[in-house]
Amino acid sequence: MTQGGLGERLDPPVTRAAIANVENGKQRVLAHTLVQLAHILRVEIGLLVPSPTETQVGIQHQVLERELKKKLAVSSAALKRLTTRMGTQT
């Protein structure tokens, strides 16, 4: 199923770009839309919603990376190499 096709099946319909934004976490989803998405995709709603732990870990890594880059004055690539060597990938 394409993003456009999925968007057309929702009520009210949404654009392909809106579906792409939802997939990338750039757009919020209303509860009734989430229910529709789960029904259309034939999955449990829980599969469409990240667990709080996954979300918190992602946010913690973003904050850690931002703070390290600021304090060490290094590029993202250099920080990635450093954390890979340390075994603490951010």
N, C-alpha and C. Protein backbone atom coordinates (compact mmCIF):
# COMPACT_ATOMS: atom_id res chain seq x y z
N MET A 1 0.84 -1.17 0.00
CA MET A 1 0.00 0.00 0.00
C MET A 1 0.89 1.24 0.00
N THR A 2 0.52 2.21 -0.80
CA THR A 2 1.30 3.45 -0.86
C THR A 2 0.84 4.41 0.22
N GLN A 3 1.66 5.42 0.47
CA GLN A 3 1.28 6.45 1.43
C GLN A 3 0.01 7.17 0.96
N GLY A 4 -0.05 7.47 -0.32
CA GLY A 4 -1.22 8.13 -0.87
C GLY A 4 -2.47 7.27 -0.73
N GLY A 5 -2.34 5.99 -1.02
CA GLY A 5 -3.46 5.06 -0.89
C GLY A 5 -3.96 4.96 0.53
N LEU A 6 -3.02 4.94 1.48
CA LEU A 6 -3.40 4.89 2.89
C LEU A 6 -4.13 6.16 3.28
N GLY A 7 -3.59 7.29 2.87
CA GLY A 7 -4.22 8.57 3.19
C GLY A 7 -5.63 8.69 2.65
N GLU A 8 -5.85 8.15 1.46
CA GLU A 8 -7.18 8.20 0.84
C GLU A 8 -8.20 7.35 1.59
N ARG A 9 -7.75 6.33 2.27
CA ARG A 9 -8.66 5.43 2.99
C ARG A 9 -9.10 5.97 4.34
N LEU A 10 -8.44 7.02 4.81
CA LEU A 10 -8.81 7.61 6.09
C LEU A 10 -10.03 8.52 5.93
N ASP A 11 -10.75 8.74 7.04
CA ASP A 11 -11.91 9.62 7.02
C ASP A 11 -11.73 10.66 8.13
N PRO A 12 -11.44 11.89 7.80
CA PRO A 12 -11.32 12.44 6.46
C PRO A 12 -9.99 12.04 5.83
N PRO A 13 -9.95 12.01 4.49
CA PRO A 13 -8.72 11.65 3.79
C PRO A 13 -7.59 12.64 4.09
N VAL A 14 -6.36 12.15 4.04
CA VAL A 14 -5.18 13.01 4.21
C VAL A 14 -4.24 12.80 3.04
N THR A 15 -3.32 13.71 2.87
CA THR A 15 -2.39 13.65 1.74
C THR A 15 -1.28 12.64 1.98
N ARG A 16 -0.59 12.29 0.91
CA ARG A 16 0.57 11.42 0.99
C ARG A 16 1.62 12.05 1.89
N ALA A 17 1.79 13.38 1.76
CA ALA A 17 2.79 14.09 2.58
C ALA A 17 2.44 13.99 4.06
N ALA A 18 1.16 14.05 4.39
CA ALA A 18 0.75 13.93 5.80
C ALA A 18 1.11 12.55 6.34
N ILE A 19 0.90 11.51 5.56
CA ILE A 19 1.26 10.15 5.98
C ILE A 19 2.77 10.05 6.16
N ALA A 20 3.53 10.63 5.25
CA ALA A 20 5.00 10.62 5.35
C ALA A 20 5.44 11.33 6.63
N ASN A 21 4.79 12.45 6.94
CA ASN A 21 5.14 13.19 8.16
C ASN A 21 4.82 12.39 9.41
N VAL A 22 3.73 11.65 9.40
CA VAL A 22 3.38 10.79 10.53
C VAL A 22 4.45 9.71 10.69
N GLU A 23 4.84 9.08 9.58
CA GLU A 23 5.85 8.03 9.63
C GLU A 23 7.17 8.53 10.20
N ASN A 24 7.50 9.78 9.90
CA ASN A 24 8.78 10.35 10.33
C ASN A 24 8.69 11.05 11.68
N GLY A 25 7.52 10.97 12.33
CA GLY A 25 7.36 11.59 13.63
C GLY A 25 7.27 13.10 13.59
N LYS A 26 6.96 13.67 12.44
CA LYS A 26 6.88 15.12 12.29
C LYS A 26 5.45 15.64 12.42
N GLN A 27 4.49 14.75 12.55
CA GLN A 27 3.09 15.16 12.64
C GLN A 27 2.38 14.30 13.67
N ARG A 28 1.59 14.93 14.49
CA ARG A 28 0.82 14.21 15.50
C ARG A 28 -0.36 13.51 14.85
N VAL A 29 -0.84 12.47 15.52
CA VAL A 29 -1.97 11.70 15.02
C VAL A 29 -3.08 11.76 16.06
N LEU A 30 -4.28 12.13 15.62
CA LEU A 30 -5.43 12.13 16.51
C LEU A 30 -5.83 10.69 16.83
N ALA A 31 -6.45 10.50 17.98
CA ALA A 31 -6.81 9.16 18.44
C ALA A 31 -7.69 8.43 17.43
N HIS A 32 -8.68 9.12 16.88
CA HIS A 32 -9.57 8.44 15.93
C HIS A 32 -8.84 8.06 14.65
N THR A 33 -7.85 8.84 14.27
CA THR A 33 -7.05 8.51 13.09
C THR A 33 -6.17 7.30 13.38
N LEU A 34 -5.63 7.23 14.58
CA LEU A 34 -4.80 6.09 14.99
C LEU A 34 -5.62 4.80 14.93
N VAL A 35 -6.85 4.86 15.39
CA VAL A 35 -7.73 3.69 15.34
C VAL A 35 -7.96 3.27 13.89
N GLN A 36 -8.22 4.25 13.03
CA GLN A 36 -8.43 3.94 11.61
C GLN A 36 -7.18 3.33 10.99
N LEU A 37 -6.01 3.89 11.29
CA LEU A 37 -4.76 3.36 10.74
C LEU A 37 -4.55 1.90 11.15
N ALA A 38 -4.77 1.62 12.42
CA ALA A 38 -4.61 0.24 12.90
C ALA A 38 -5.57 -0.69 12.18
N HIS A 39 -6.80 -0.24 11.99
CA HIS A 39 -7.80 -1.07 11.29
C HIS A 39 -7.39 -1.31 9.84
N ILE A 40 -7.01 -0.25 9.14
CA ILE A 40 -6.63 -0.36 7.73
C ILE A 40 -5.41 -1.26 7.56
N LEU A 41 -4.45 -1.10 8.46
CA LEU A 41 -3.20 -1.88 8.36
C LEU A 41 -3.31 -3.26 9.01
N ARG A 42 -4.45 -3.52 9.66
CA ARG A 42 -4.71 -4.81 10.31
C ARG A 42 -3.66 -5.15 11.37
N VAL A 43 -3.39 -4.15 12.23
CA VAL A 43 -2.44 -4.34 13.32
C VAL A 43 -3.05 -3.80 14.61
N GLU A 44 -2.50 -4.22 15.72
CA GLU A 44 -2.91 -3.67 17.01
C GLU A 44 -2.39 -2.24 17.13
N ILE A 45 -3.17 -1.39 17.79
CA ILE A 45 -2.77 0.00 17.96
C ILE A 45 -1.39 0.11 18.62
N GLY A 46 -1.12 -0.77 19.57
CA GLY A 46 0.17 -0.74 20.27
C GLY A 46 1.37 -0.84 19.35
N LEU A 47 1.22 -1.49 18.21
CA LEU A 47 2.33 -1.59 17.26
C LEU A 47 2.62 -0.27 16.57
N LEU A 48 1.66 0.64 16.58
CA LEU A 48 1.83 1.93 15.91
C LEU A 48 2.35 3.02 16.84
N VAL A 49 2.37 2.73 18.14
CA VAL A 49 2.75 3.73 19.14
C VAL A 49 4.03 3.26 19.83
N PRO A 50 5.08 4.10 19.81
CA PRO A 50 6.31 3.69 20.50
C PRO A 50 6.09 3.63 22.00
N SER A 51 6.76 2.70 22.64
CA SER A 51 6.65 2.62 24.10
C SER A 51 7.32 3.85 24.71
N PRO A 52 6.89 4.26 25.89
CA PRO A 52 7.52 5.42 26.53
C PRO A 52 9.02 5.23 26.69
N THR A 53 9.45 4.01 26.95
CA THR A 53 10.87 3.74 27.12
C THR A 53 11.64 4.05 25.84
N GLU A 54 11.14 3.59 24.69
CA GLU A 54 11.81 3.86 23.42
C GLU A 54 11.89 5.35 23.16
N THR A 55 10.81 6.06 23.44
CA THR A 55 10.78 7.50 23.21
C THR A 55 11.76 8.20 24.13
N GLN A 56 11.77 7.83 25.41
CA GLN A 56 12.66 8.47 26.37
C GLN A 56 14.12 8.22 26.02
N VAL A 57 14.45 7.01 25.63
CA VAL A 57 15.83 6.69 25.26
C VAL A 57 16.25 7.51 24.05
N GLY A 58 15.37 7.63 23.07
CA GLY A 58 15.68 8.44 21.89
C GLY A 58 15.93 9.89 22.24
N ILE A 59 15.11 10.44 23.12
CA ILE A 59 15.27 11.82 23.54
C ILE A 59 16.56 11.98 24.33
N GLN A 60 16.84 11.03 25.22
CA GLN A 60 18.07 11.10 26.01
C GLN A 60 19.30 11.07 25.10
N HIS A 61 19.29 10.24 24.06
CA HIS A 61 20.41 10.19 23.14
C HIS A 61 20.57 11.50 22.39
N GLN A 62 19.45 12.10 21.99
CA GLN A 62 19.53 13.38 21.28
C GLN A 62 20.12 14.46 22.17
N VAL A 63 19.67 14.51 23.42
CA VAL A 63 20.19 15.51 24.36
C VAL A 63 21.66 15.26 24.62
N LEU A 64 22.03 14.01 24.84
CA LEU A 64 23.42 13.67 25.10
C LEU A 64 24.30 14.07 23.92
N GLU A 65 23.87 13.74 22.71
CA GLU A 65 24.67 14.08 21.54
C GLU A 65 24.81 15.60 21.39
N ARG A 66 23.71 16.33 21.58
CA ARG A 66 23.75 17.79 21.45
C ARG A 66 24.71 18.39 22.48
N GLU A 67 24.65 17.91 23.73
CA GLU A 67 25.51 18.44 24.78
C GLU A 67 26.98 18.10 24.54
N LEU A 68 27.24 16.87 24.10
CA LEU A 68 28.63 16.48 23.82
C LEU A 68 29.20 17.29 22.67
N LYS A 69 28.40 17.48 21.61
CA LYS A 69 28.89 18.26 20.47
C LYS A 69 29.20 19.69 20.90
N LYS A 70 28.35 20.24 21.76
CA LYS A 70 28.56 21.62 22.21
C LYS A 70 29.82 21.72 23.08
N LYS A 71 29.96 20.79 24.03
CA LYS A 71 31.07 20.86 24.98
C LYS A 71 32.40 20.48 24.35
N LEU A 72 32.37 19.53 23.43
CA LEU A 72 33.61 19.08 22.80
C LEU A 72 33.93 19.83 21.52
N ALA A 73 32.96 20.57 21.01
CA ALA A 73 33.11 21.32 19.75
C ALA A 73 33.57 20.39 18.63
N VAL A 74 32.82 19.29 18.43
CA VAL A 74 33.14 18.34 17.38
C VAL A 74 31.93 18.17 16.45
N SER A 75 32.20 17.67 15.27
CA SER A 75 31.13 17.42 14.30
C SER A 75 30.36 16.16 14.70
N SER A 76 29.21 15.98 14.06
CA SER A 76 28.41 14.78 14.31
C SER A 76 29.19 13.53 13.93
N ALA A 77 29.91 13.59 12.81
CA ALA A 77 30.68 12.43 12.35
C ALA A 77 31.78 12.08 13.35
N ALA A 78 32.48 13.10 13.86
CA ALA A 78 33.54 12.86 14.84
C ALA A 78 32.97 12.30 16.14
N LEU A 79 31.83 12.81 16.55
CA LEU A 79 31.19 12.32 17.76
C LEU A 79 30.76 10.86 17.59
N LYS A 80 30.23 10.53 16.43
CA LYS A 80 29.82 9.14 16.16
C LYS A 80 31.02 8.20 16.23
N ARG A 81 32.15 8.61 15.62
CA ARG A 81 33.36 7.78 15.67
C ARG A 81 33.83 7.60 17.12
N LEU A 82 33.79 8.67 17.88
CA LEU A 82 34.23 8.61 19.27
C LEU A 82 33.34 7.69 20.10
N THR A 83 32.03 7.83 19.98
CA THR A 83 31.13 7.01 20.78
C THR A 83 31.16 5.56 20.34
N THR A 84 31.41 5.32 19.05
CA THR A 84 31.53 3.95 18.57
C THR A 84 32.74 3.28 19.20
N ARG A 85 33.84 4.01 19.26
CA ARG A 85 35.05 3.47 19.89
C ARG A 85 34.83 3.19 21.37
N MET A 86 34.03 4.03 22.00
CA MET A 86 33.78 3.87 23.44
C MET A 86 32.71 2.78 23.69
N GLY A 87 32.00 2.39 22.64
CA GLY A 87 30.96 1.39 22.80
C GLY A 87 29.67 1.94 23.38
N THR A 88 29.48 3.25 23.26
CA THR A 88 28.29 3.91 23.80
C THR A 88 27.60 4.71 22.71
N GLN A 89 27.34 4.08 21.62
CA GLN A 89 26.73 4.75 20.47
C GLN A 89 25.56 5.63 20.87
N THR A 90 25.61 6.93 20.46
CA THR A 90 24.51 7.84 20.74
C THR A 90 23.56 7.88 19.57
